[in-house]
PDB file of N, CA and C in Angstrom:
ATOM      1  N   THR A   1      12.135  -7.503 -14.633  1.00  0.00           N
ATOM      2  CA  THR A   1      12.007  -6.373 -15.526  1.00  0.00           C
ATOM      3  C   THR A   1      10.656  -5.696 -15.312  1.00  0.00           C
ATOM      4  N   ILE A   2      10.685  -4.404 -15.255  1.00  0.00           N
ATOM      5  CA  ILE A   2       9.475  -3.605 -15.131  1.00  0.00           C
ATOM      6  C   ILE A   2       9.253  -2.925 -16.477  1.00  0.00           C
ATOM      7  N   SER A   3       8.053  -3.047 -17.019  1.00  0.00           N
ATOM      8  CA  SER A   3       7.778  -2.414 -18.302  1.00  0.00           C
ATOM      9  C   SER A   3       7.017  -1.111 -18.091  1.00  0.00           C
ATOM     10  N   SER A   4       6.914  -0.341 -19.150  1.00  0.00           N
ATOM     11  CA  SER A   4       6.198   0.943 -19.054  1.00  0.00           C
ATOM     12  C   SER A   4       4.689   0.740 -18.952  1.00  0.00           C
ATOM     13  N   THR A   5       4.217  -0.507 -19.016  1.00  0.00           N
ATOM     14  CA  THR A   5       2.789  -0.779 -18.827  1.00  0.00           C
ATOM     15  C   THR A   5       2.484  -1.223 -17.390  1.00  0.00           C
ATOM     16  N   ASP A   6       3.508  -1.233 -16.543  1.00  0.00           N
ATOM     17  CA  ASP A   6       3.328  -1.623 -15.147  1.00  0.00           C
ATOM     18  C   ASP A   6       3.059  -0.394 -14.285  1.00  0.00           C
ATOM     19  N   ASN A   7       2.261  -0.589 -13.263  1.00  0.00           N
ATOM     20  CA  ASN A   7       1.938   0.486 -12.329  1.00  0.00           C
ATOM     21  C   ASN A   7       2.318   0.081 -10.919  1.00  0.00           C
ATOM     22  N   LEU A   8       2.659   1.081 -10.126  1.00  0.00           N
ATOM     23  CA  LEU A   8       2.944   0.884  -8.716  1.00  0.00           C
ATOM     24  C   LEU A   8       1.727   1.324  -7.912  1.00  0.00           C
ATOM     25  N   TYR A   9       1.322   0.500  -6.976  1.00  0.00           N
ATOM     26  CA  TYR A   9       0.230   0.820  -6.057  1.00  0.00           C
ATOM     27  C   TYR A   9       0.816   0.878  -4.650  1.00  0.00           C
ATOM     28  N   VAL A  10       0.540   1.961  -3.943  1.00  0.00           N
ATOM     29  CA  VAL A  10       1.047   2.158  -2.587  1.00  0.00           C
ATOM     30  C   VAL A  10      -0.154   2.497  -1.709  1.00  0.00           C
ATOM     31  N   ASN A  11      -0.388   1.654  -0.713  1.00  0.00           N
ATOM     32  CA  ASN A  11      -1.596   1.790   0.098  1.00  0.00           C
ATOM     33  C   ASN A  11      -1.263   1.818   1.586  1.00  0.00           C
ATOM     34  N   ALA A  12      -1.795   2.805   2.286  1.00  0.00           N
ATOM     35  CA  ALA A  12      -1.676   2.874   3.738  1.00  0.00           C
ATOM     36  C   ALA A  12      -2.823   2.065   4.327  1.00  0.00           C
ATOM     37  N   ILE A  13      -2.482   1.186   5.250  1.00  0.00           N
ATOM     38  CA  ILE A  13      -3.498   0.344   5.899  1.00  0.00           C
ATOM     39  C   ILE A  13      -3.307   0.401   7.412  1.00  0.00           C
ATOM     40  N   GLU A  14      -4.344   0.025   8.109  1.00  0.00           N
ATOM     41  CA  GLU A  14      -4.275  -0.157   9.550  1.00  0.00           C
ATOM     42  C   GLU A  14      -4.375  -1.660   9.788  1.00  0.00           C
ATOM     43  N   LYS A  15      -3.342  -2.245  10.404  1.00  0.00           N
ATOM     44  CA  LYS A  15      -3.263  -3.700  10.548  1.00  0.00           C
ATOM     45  C   LYS A  15      -4.467  -4.270  11.295  1.00  0.00           C
ATOM     46  N   GLU A  16      -4.824  -3.665  12.389  1.00  0.00           N
ATOM     47  CA  GLU A  16      -5.999  -4.109  13.153  1.00  0.00           C
ATOM     48  C   GLU A  16      -6.781  -2.900  13.643  1.00  0.00           C
ATOM     49  N   VAL A  17      -8.084  -2.995  13.530  1.00  0.00           N
ATOM     50  CA  VAL A  17      -8.988  -1.984  14.083  1.00  0.00           C
ATOM     51  C   VAL A  17      -9.997  -2.742  14.935  1.00  0.00           C
ATOM     52  N   ASN A  18     -10.031  -2.401  16.218  1.00  0.00           N
ATOM     53  CA  ASN A  18     -10.917  -3.089  17.157  1.00  0.00           C
ATOM     54  C   ASN A  18     -11.858  -2.087  17.805  1.00  0.00           C
ATOM     55  N   TYR A  19     -13.129  -2.424  17.827  1.00  0.00           N
ATOM     56  CA  TYR A  19     -14.155  -1.589  18.448  1.00  0.00           C
ATOM     57  C   TYR A  19     -14.703  -2.309  19.677  1.00  0.00           C
ATOM     58  N   PRO A  20     -15.029  -1.590  20.742  1.00  0.00           N
ATOM     59  CA  PRO A  20     -15.606  -2.238  21.926  1.00  0.00           C
ATOM     60  C   PRO A  20     -16.995  -2.808  21.640  1.00  0.00           C
ATOM     61  N   THR A  21     -17.727  -2.139  20.753  1.00  0.00           N
ATOM     62  CA  THR A  21     -19.032  -2.641  20.314  1.00  0.00           C
ATOM     63  C   THR A  21     -19.050  -2.569  18.790  1.00  0.00           C
ATOM     64  N   PRO A  22     -19.789  -3.443  18.132  1.00  0.00           N
ATOM     65  CA  PRO A  22     -19.815  -3.442  16.672  1.00  0.00           C
ATOM     66  C   PRO A  22     -20.267  -2.087  16.109  1.00  0.00           C
ATOM     67  N   PRO A  23     -19.525  -1.536  15.132  1.00  0.00           N
ATOM     68  CA  PRO A  23     -19.924  -0.258  14.549  1.00  0.00           C
ATOM     69  C   PRO A  23     -21.081  -0.391  13.559  1.00  0.00           C
ATOM     70  N   GLY A  24     -21.364  -1.611  13.144  1.00  0.00           N
ATOM     71  CA  GLY A  24     -22.451  -1.851  12.192  1.00  0.00           C
ATOM     72  C   GLY A  24     -23.447  -2.846  12.747  1.00  0.00           C
ATOM     73  N   SER A  25     -24.266  -3.392  11.885  1.00  0.00           N
ATOM     74  CA  SER A  25     -25.333  -4.294  12.332  1.00  0.00           C
ATOM     75  C   SER A  25     -24.982  -5.776  12.185  1.00  0.00           C
ATOM     76  N   ASN A  26     -23.764  -6.110  11.712  1.00  0.00           N
ATOM     77  CA  ASN A  26     -23.432  -7.525  11.505  1.00  0.00           C
ATOM     78  C   ASN A  26     -22.731  -8.167  12.700  1.00  0.00           C
ATOM     79  N   GLY A  27     -22.465  -7.409  13.771  1.00  0.00           N
ATOM     80  CA  GLY A  27     -21.873  -7.958  14.988  1.00  0.00           C
ATOM     81  C   GLY A  27     -20.348  -8.009  14.986  1.00  0.00           C
ATOM     82  N   ILE A  28     -19.693  -7.617  13.921  1.00  0.00           N
ATOM     83  CA  ILE A  28     -18.239  -7.687  13.843  1.00  0.00           C
ATOM     84  C   ILE A  28     -17.619  -6.480  14.540  1.00  0.00           C
ATOM     85  N   LYS A  29     -16.646  -6.769  15.453  1.00  0.00           N
ATOM     86  CA  LYS A  29     -15.958  -5.715  16.194  1.00  0.00           C
ATOM     87  C   LYS A  29     -14.496  -5.568  15.782  1.00  0.00           C
ATOM     88  N   ASP A  30     -13.925  -6.625  15.210  1.00  0.00           N
ATOM     89  CA  ASP A  30     -12.499  -6.635  14.879  1.00  0.00           C
ATOM     90  C   ASP A  30     -12.310  -6.700  13.367  1.00  0.00           C
ATOM     91  N   PHE A  31     -11.483  -5.798  12.842  1.00  0.00           N
ATOM     92  CA  PHE A  31     -11.239  -5.710  11.408  1.00  0.00           C
ATOM     93  C   PHE A  31      -9.730  -5.764  11.163  1.00  0.00           C
ATOM     94  N   HIS A  32      -9.321  -6.456  10.124  1.00  0.00           N
ATOM     95  CA  HIS A  32      -7.903  -6.637   9.818  1.00  0.00           C
ATOM     96  C   HIS A  32      -7.565  -6.029   8.464  1.00  0.00           C
ATOM     97  N   TYR A  33      -6.399  -5.399   8.394  1.00  0.00           N
ATOM     98  CA  TYR A  33      -5.864  -4.803   7.165  1.00  0.00           C
ATOM     99  C   TYR A  33      -6.879  -3.852   6.520  1.00  0.00           C
ATOM    100  N   VAL A  34      -7.228  -2.819   7.258  1.00  0.00           N
ATOM    101  CA  VAL A  34      -8.217  -1.836   6.837  1.00  0.00           C
ATOM    102  C   VAL A  34      -7.544  -0.791   5.946  1.00  0.00           C
ATOM    103  N   MET A  35      -8.045  -0.633   4.725  1.00  0.00           N
ATOM    104  CA  MET A  35      -7.503   0.356   3.794  1.00  0.00           C
ATOM    105  C   MET A  35      -7.788   1.753   4.310  1.00  0.00           C
ATOM    106  N   ARG A  36      -6.744   2.589   4.351  1.00  0.00           N
ATOM    107  CA  ARG A  36      -6.912   3.966   4.795  1.00  0.00           C
ATOM    108  C   ARG A  36      -6.655   4.978   3.688  1.00  0.00           C
ATOM    109  N   LYS A  37      -5.691   4.706   2.808  1.00  0.00           N
ATOM    110  CA  LYS A  37      -5.375   5.665   1.751  1.00  0.00           C
ATOM    111  C   LYS A  37      -4.659   4.957   0.604  1.00  0.00           C
ATOM    112  N   MET A  38      -5.112   5.212  -0.625  1.00  0.00           N
ATOM    113  CA  MET A  38      -4.418   4.741  -1.821  1.00  0.00           C
ATOM    114  C   MET A  38      -3.541   5.890  -2.296  1.00  0.00           C
ATOM    115  N   MET A  39      -2.261   5.833  -1.956  1.00  0.00           N
ATOM    116  CA  MET A  39      -1.346   6.952  -2.189  1.00  0.00           C
ATOM    117  C   MET A  39      -1.263   7.357  -3.659  1.00  0.00           C
ATOM    118  N   ALA A  40      -1.254   6.397  -4.551  1.00  0.00           N
ATOM    119  CA  ALA A  40      -1.116   6.699  -5.984  1.00  0.00           C
ATOM    120  C   ALA A  40      -2.483   6.709  -6.676  1.00  0.00           C
ATOM    121  N   GLY A  41      -3.541   6.736  -5.895  1.00  0.00           N
ATOM    122  CA  GLY A  41      -4.882   6.721  -6.471  1.00  0.00           C
ATOM    123  C   GLY A  41      -5.276   5.328  -6.929  1.00  0.00           C
ATOM    124  N   THR A  42      -6.492   5.187  -7.406  1.00  0.00           N
ATOM    125  CA  THR A  42      -6.995   3.870  -7.800  1.00  0.00           C
ATOM    126  C   THR A  42      -6.331   3.330  -9.060  1.00  0.00           C
ATOM    127  N   ALA A  43      -5.761   4.202  -9.881  1.00  0.00           N
ATOM    128  CA  ALA A  43      -5.093   3.759 -11.113  1.00  0.00           C
ATOM    129  C   ALA A  43      -3.623   3.437 -10.892  1.00  0.00           C
ATOM    130  N   GLY A  44      -3.091   3.754  -9.727  1.00  0.00           N
ATOM    131  CA  GLY A  44      -1.682   3.503  -9.466  1.00  0.00           C
ATOM    132  C   GLY A  44      -0.801   4.545 -10.128  1.00  0.00           C
ATOM    133  N   GLN A  45       0.497   4.379  -9.944  1.00  0.00           N
ATOM    134  CA  GLN A  45       1.510   5.285 -10.498  1.00  0.00           C
ATOM    135  C   GLN A  45       2.200   4.584 -11.656  1.00  0.00           C
ATOM    136  N   ALA A  46       2.131   5.160 -12.848  1.00  0.00           N
ATOM    137  CA  ALA A  46       2.828   4.589 -14.001  1.00  0.00           C
ATOM    138  C   ALA A  46       4.330   4.575 -13.718  1.00  0.00           C
ATOM    139  N   LEU A  47       4.984   3.506 -14.122  1.00  0.00           N
ATOM    140  CA  LEU A  47       6.416   3.367 -13.908  1.00  0.00           C
ATOM    141  C   LEU A  47       7.175   3.470 -15.223  1.00  0.00           C
ATOM    142  N   SER A  48       8.420   3.861 -15.122  1.00  0.00           N
ATOM    143  CA  SER A  48       9.309   3.821 -16.279  1.00  0.00           C
ATOM    144  C   SER A  48       9.790   2.393 -16.461  1.00  0.00           C
ATOM    145  N   ALA A  49      10.125   2.013 -17.685  1.00  0.00           N
ATOM    146  CA  ALA A  49      10.682   0.687 -17.926  1.00  0.00           C
ATOM    147  C   ALA A  49      12.014   0.576 -17.187  1.00  0.00           C
ATOM    148  N   LEU A  50      12.205  -0.522 -16.442  1.00  0.00           N
ATOM    149  CA  LEU A  50      13.424  -0.747 -15.670  1.00  0.00           C
ATOM    150  C   LEU A  50      13.940  -2.154 -15.918  1.00  0.00           C
ATOM    151  N   THR A  51      15.238  -2.287 -15.938  1.00  0.00           N
ATOM    152  CA  THR A  51      15.850  -3.610 -16.006  1.00  0.00           C
ATOM    153  C   THR A  51      16.644  -3.818 -14.728  1.00  0.00           C
ATOM    154  N   GLN A  52      17.143  -5.031 -14.547  1.00  0.00           N
ATOM    155  CA  GLN A  52      17.850  -5.366 -13.316  1.00  0.00           C
ATOM    156  C   GLN A  52      18.990  -4.378 -13.063  1.00  0.00           C
ATOM    157  N   GLY A  53      19.059  -3.891 -11.829  1.00  0.00           N
ATOM    158  CA  GLY A  53      20.089  -2.951 -11.440  1.00  0.00           C
ATOM    159  C   GLY A  53      19.672  -1.495 -11.529  1.00  0.00           C
ATOM    160  N   GLN A  54      18.603  -1.201 -12.251  1.00  0.00           N
ATOM    161  CA  GLN A  54      18.108   0.169 -12.346  1.00  0.00           C
ATOM    162  C   GLN A  54      17.136   0.434 -11.200  1.00  0.00           C
ATOM    163  N   SER A  55      16.918   1.713 -10.919  1.00  0.00           N
ATOM    164  CA  SER A  55      15.978   2.051  -9.854  1.00  0.00           C
ATOM    165  C   SER A  55      15.194   3.291 -10.219  1.00  0.00           C
ATOM    166  N   GLN A  56      14.096   3.460  -9.523  1.00  0.00           N
ATOM    167  CA  GLN A  56      13.264   4.639  -9.652  1.00  0.00           C
ATOM    168  C   GLN A  56      12.791   4.993  -8.252  1.00  0.00           C
ATOM    169  N   THR A  57      12.891   6.259  -7.865  1.00  0.00           N
ATOM    170  CA  THR A  57      12.486   6.696  -6.539  1.00  0.00           C
ATOM    171  C   THR A  57      11.204   7.500  -6.640  1.00  0.00           C
ATOM    172  N   LEU A  58      10.225   7.120  -5.831  1.00  0.00           N
ATOM    173  CA  LEU A  58       8.952   7.830  -5.762  1.00  0.00           C
ATOM    174  C   LEU A  58       8.684   8.158  -4.299  1.00  0.00           C
ATOM    175  N   GLU A  59       8.090   9.293  -4.055  1.00  0.00           N
ATOM    176  CA  GLU A  59       7.790   9.708  -2.683  1.00  0.00           C
ATOM    177  C   GLU A  59       6.324  10.100  -2.588  1.00  0.00           C
ATOM    178  N   TYR A  60       5.679   9.627  -1.529  1.00  0.00           N
ATOM    179  CA  TYR A  60       4.280   9.955  -1.292  1.00  0.00           C
ATOM    180  C   TYR A  60       4.149  10.552   0.097  1.00  0.00           C
ATOM    181  N   LYS A  61       3.336  11.575   0.219  1.00  0.00           N
ATOM    182  CA  LYS A  61       3.042  12.177   1.514  1.00  0.00           C
ATOM    183  C   LYS A  61       1.540  12.141   1.722  1.00  0.00           C
ATOM    184  N   TRP A  62       1.156  11.957   2.963  1.00  0.00           N
ATOM    185  CA  TRP A  62      -0.255  11.832   3.292  1.00  0.00           C
ATOM    186  C   TRP A  62      -0.483  12.397   4.683  1.00  0.00           C
ATOM    187  N   LYS A  63      -1.465  13.263   4.808  1.00  0.00           N
ATOM    188  CA  LYS A  63      -1.866  13.759   6.118  1.00  0.00           C
ATOM    189  C   LYS A  63      -2.755  12.691   6.746  1.00  0.00           C
ATOM    190  N   ILE A  64      -2.286  12.113   7.822  1.00  0.00           N
ATOM    191  CA  ILE A  64      -2.997  11.004   8.458  1.00  0.00           C
ATOM    192  C   ILE A  64      -4.341  11.475   8.983  1.00  0.00           C
ATOM    193  N   ALA A  65      -5.392  10.781   8.545  1.00  0.00           N
ATOM    194  CA  ALA A  65      -6.756  11.075   8.997  1.00  0.00           C
ATOM    195  C   ALA A  65      -7.506   9.749   9.140  1.00  0.00           C
ATOM    196  N   ASN A  66      -8.506   9.734   9.980  1.00  0.00           N
ATOM    197  CA  ASN A  66      -9.359   8.556  10.176  1.00  0.00           C
ATOM    198  C   ASN A  66      -8.585   7.335  10.658  1.00  0.00           C
ATOM    199  N   LEU A  67      -7.486   7.550  11.343  1.00  0.00           N
ATOM    200  CA  LEU A  67      -6.675   6.447  11.840  1.00  0.00           C
ATOM    201  C   LEU A  67      -6.964   6.267  13.319  1.00  0.00           C
ATOM    202  N   ARG A  68      -7.281   5.058  13.719  1.00  0.00           N
ATOM    203  CA  ARG A  68      -7.604   4.806  15.117  1.00  0.00           C
ATOM    204  C   ARG A  68      -6.356   4.607  15.974  1.00  0.00           C
ATOM    205  N   ASP A  69      -5.293   3.990  15.392  1.00  0.00           N
ATOM    206  CA  ASP A  69      -4.079   3.699  16.157  1.00  0.00           C
ATOM    207  C   ASP A  69      -2.878   3.797  15.224  1.00  0.00           C
ATOM    208  N   VAL A  70      -2.068   4.857  15.367  1.00  0.00           N
ATOM    209  CA  VAL A  70      -0.912   5.045  14.487  1.00  0.00           C
ATOM    210  C   VAL A  70       0.079   3.885  14.612  1.00  0.00           C
ATOM    211  N   GLY A  71       0.086   3.191  15.727  1.00  0.00           N
ATOM    212  CA  GLY A  71       0.947   2.025  15.907  1.00  0.00           C
ATOM    213  C   GLY A  71       0.574   0.864  15.001  1.00  0.00           C
ATOM    214  N   GLN A  72      -0.622   0.883  14.459  1.00  0.00           N
ATOM    215  CA  GLN A  72      -1.085  -0.171  13.553  1.00  0.00           C
ATOM    216  C   GLN A  72      -0.901   0.204  12.077  1.00  0.00           C
ATOM    217  N   LEU A  73      -0.356   1.391  11.813  1.00  0.00           N
ATOM    218  CA  LEU A  73      -0.174   1.853  10.444  1.00  0.00           C
ATOM    219  C   LEU A  73       0.869   1.012   9.714  1.00  0.00           C
ATOM    220  N   ARG A  74       0.547   0.587   8.515  1.00  0.00           N
ATOM    221  CA  ARG A  74       1.439  -0.179   7.646  1.00  0.00           C
ATOM    222  C   ARG A  74       1.309   0.369   6.231  1.00  0.00           C
ATOM    223  N   VAL A  75       2.283   0.052   5.385  1.00  0.00           N
ATOM    224  CA  VAL A  75       2.213   0.421   3.983  1.00  0.00           C
ATOM    225  C   VAL A  75       2.391  -0.848   3.150  1.00  0.00           C
ATOM    226  N   VAL A  76       1.488  -1.038   2.194  1.00  0.00           N
ATOM    227  CA  VAL A  76       1.559  -2.155   1.257  1.00  0.00           C
ATOM    228  C   VAL A  76       1.830  -1.566  -0.122  1.00  0.00           C
ATOM    229  N   ALA A  77       2.821  -2.114  -0.814  1.00  0.00           N
ATOM    230  CA  ALA A  77       3.129  -1.650  -2.166  1.00  0.00           C
ATOM    231  C   ALA A  77       3.231  -2.860  -3.082  1.00  0.00           C
ATOM    232  N   PHE A  78       2.749  -2.696  -4.311  1.00  0.00           N
ATOM    233  CA  PHE A  78       2.903  -3.778  -5.289  1.00  0.00           C
ATOM    234  C   PHE A  78       2.976  -3.213  -6.693  1.00  0.00           C
ATOM    235  N   VAL A  79       3.683  -3.948  -7.566  1.00  0.00           N
ATOM    236  CA  VAL A  79       3.817  -3.591  -8.976  1.00  0.00           C
ATOM    237  C   VAL A  79       2.948  -4.561  -9.763  1.00  0.00           C
ATOM    238  N   GLN A  80       2.091  -4.008 -10.626  1.00  0.00           N
ATOM    239  CA  GLN A  80       1.123  -4.829 -11.349  1.00  0.00           C
ATOM    240  C   GLN A  80       1.027  -4.376 -12.802  1.00  0.00           C
ATOM    241  N   THR A  81       0.871  -5.362 -13.697  1.00  0.00           N
ATOM    242  CA  THR A  81       0.532  -5.075 -15.081  1.00  0.00           C
ATOM    243  C   THR A  81      -0.984  -5.019 -15.150  1.00  0.00           C
ATOM    244  N   ASN A  82      -1.531  -3.863 -15.445  1.00  0.00           N
ATOM    245  CA  ASN A  82      -2.986  -3.690 -15.383  1.00  0.00           C
ATOM    246  C   ASN A  82      -3.740  -4.544 -16.377  1.00  0.00           C
ATOM    247  N   SER A  83      -3.206  -4.729 -17.585  1.00  0.00           N
ATOM    248  CA  SER A  83      -3.944  -5.482 -18.613  1.00  0.00           C
ATOM    249  C   SER A  83      -4.130  -6.940 -18.228  1.00  0.00           C
ATOM    250  N   THR A  84      -3.143  -7.545 -17.557  1.00  0.00           N
ATOM    251  CA  THR A  84      -3.233  -8.964 -17.183  1.00  0.00           C
ATOM    252  C   THR A  84      -3.551  -9.163 -15.703  1.00  0.00           C
ATOM    253  N   LYS A  85      -3.415  -8.086 -14.918  1.00  0.00           N
ATOM    254  CA  LYS A  85      -3.590  -8.106 -13.452  1.00  0.00           C
ATOM    255  C   LYS A  85      -2.487  -8.896 -12.750  1.00  0.00           C
ATOM    256  N   GLU A  86      -1.410  -9.235 -13.464  1.00  0.00           N
ATOM    257  CA  GLU A  86      -0.298  -9.959 -12.870  1.00  0.00           C
ATOM    258  C   GLU A  86       0.457  -9.047 -11.913  1.00  0.00           C
ATOM    259  N   VAL A  87       0.698  -9.532 -10.695  1.00  0.00           N
ATOM    260  CA  VAL A  87       1.468  -8.799  -9.705  1.00  0.00           C
ATOM    261  C   VAL A  87       2.897  -9.332  -9.759  1.00  0.00           C
ATOM    262  N   HIS A  88       3.850  -8.421  -9.980  1.00  0.00           N
ATOM    263  CA  HIS A  88       5.250  -8.813 -10.132  1.00  0.00           C
ATOM    264  C   HIS A  88       6.004  -8.785  -8.816  1.00  0.00           C
ATOM    265  N   GLN A  89       5.686  -7.836  -7.965  1.00  0.00           N
ATOM    266  CA  GLN A  89       6.341  -7.694  -6.674  1.00  0.00           C
ATOM    267  C   GLN A  89       5.342  -7.124  -5.682  1.00  0.00           C
ATOM    268  N   ALA A  90       5.555  -7.463  -4.423  1.00  0.00           N
ATOM    269  CA  ALA A  90       4.712  -6.900  -3.365  1.00  0.00           C
ATOM    270  C   ALA A  90       5.537  -6.812  -2.093  1.00  0.00           C
ATOM    271  N   LYS A  91       5.220  -5.819  -1.270  1.00  0.00           N
ATOM    272  CA  LYS A  91       5.942  -5.665  -0.008  1.00  0.00           C
ATOM    273  C   LYS A  91       5.043  -5.003   1.019  1.00  0.00           C
ATOM    274  N   LEU A  92       5.171  -5.456   2.259  1.00  0.00           N
ATOM    275  CA  LEU A  92       4.483  -4.869   3.404  1.00  0.00           C
ATOM    276  C   LEU A  92       5.545  -4.249   4.298  1.00  0.00           C
ATOM    277  N   ALA A  93       5.419  -2.960   4.581  1.00  0.00           N
ATOM    278  CA  ALA A  93       6.366  -2.273   5.464  1.00  0.00           C
ATOM    279  C   ALA A  93       5.726  -2.079   6.821  1.00  0.00           C
ATOM    280  N   GLU A  94       6.409  -2.540   7.857  1.00  0.00           N
ATOM    281  CA  GLU A  94       5.922  -2.392   9.220  1.00  0.00           C
ATOM    282  C   GLU A  94       6.847  -1.532  10.050  1.00  0.00           C
ATOM    283  N   SER A  95       7.804  -0.887   9.407  1.00  0.00           N
ATOM    284  CA  SER A  95       8.774  -0.076  10.141  1.00  0.00           C
ATOM    285  C   SER A  95       8.127   1.197  10.663  1.00  0.00           C
ATOM    286  N   PRO A  96       8.773   1.858  11.624  1.00  0.00           N
ATOM    287  CA  PRO A  96       8.241   3.138  12.101  1.00  0.00           C
ATOM    288  C   PRO A  96       8.244   4.181  10.981  1.00  0.00           C
ATOM    289  N   LEU A  97       7.489   5.238  11.184  1.00  0.00           N
ATOM    290  CA  LEU A  97       7.440   6.318  10.203  1.00  0.00           C
ATOM    291  C   LEU A  97       8.776   7.038  10.158  1.00  0.00           C
ATOM    292  N   PRO A  98       9.245   7.544   9.035  1.00  0.00           N
ATOM    293  CA  PRO A  98       8.658   7.358   7.708  1.00  0.00           C
ATOM    294  C   PRO A  98       8.965   5.971   7.170  1.00  0.00           C
ATOM    295  N   PHE A  99       8.098   5.478   6.310  1.00  0.00           N
ATOM    296  CA  PHE A  99       8.282   4.163   5.711  1.00  0.00           C
ATOM    297  C   PHE A  99       9.210   4.265   4.517  1.00  0.00           C
ATOM    298  N   VAL A 100      10.072   3.311   4.380  1.00  0.00           N
ATOM    299  CA  VAL A 100      10.920   3.196   3.197  1.00  0.00           C
ATOM    300  C   VAL A 100      10.731   1.792   2.651  1.00  0.00           C
ATOM    301  N   LEU A 101      10.272   1.695   1.414  1.00  0.00           N
ATOM    302  CA  LEU A 101      10.095   0.408   0.757  1.00  0.00           C
ATOM    303  C   LEU A 101      11.172   0.266  -0.307  1.00  0.00           C
ATOM    304  N   ASP A 102      11.899  -0.809  -0.268  1.00  0.00           N
ATOM    305  CA  ASP A 102      12.923  -1.084  -1.275  1.00  0.00           C
ATOM    306  C   ASP A 102      12.507  -2.382  -1.973  1.00  0.00           C
ATOM    307  N   MET A 103      12.006  -2.247  -3.183  1.00  0.00           N
ATOM    308  CA  MET A 103      11.544  -3.410  -3.937  1.00  0.00           C
ATOM    309  C   MET A 103      12.556  -3.670  -5.053  1.00  0.00           C
ATOM    310  N   ASN A 104      13.264  -4.783  -4.950  1.00  0.00           N
ATOM    311  CA  ASN A 104      14.301  -5.117  -5.925  1.00  0.00           C
ATOM    312  C   ASN A 104      13.757  -5.952  -7.062  1.00  0.00           C
ATOM    313  N   LEU A 105      14.339  -5.745  -8.248  1.00  0.00           N
ATOM    314  CA  LEU A 105      13.973  -6.565  -9.412  1.00  0.00           C
ATOM    315  C   LEU A 105      14.562  -7.937  -9.269  1.00  0.00           C
TER     316      LEU A 105
END
């Protein structure tokens, strides 16, 4: 069950970012799961209350910027109750563009 106090977070990430030389001063050249865009913003997208069998469709569009390798693009989505920080569902989409996430109750 999804309550009206739950929010959806949808984040575009780059699975791996590798630099030939470290971009900073700590010597690290390889970075994993780099956040590129929070589609619903930092507060997430408020959801309608849903029970088993119901659905809600949301669509996000983003002009890709600051991406080193489009082949590494992934989308992570999760439903969270903000007051308790409990995550009810989560999904990682690795399919080609456009991404379709189907999160079942």
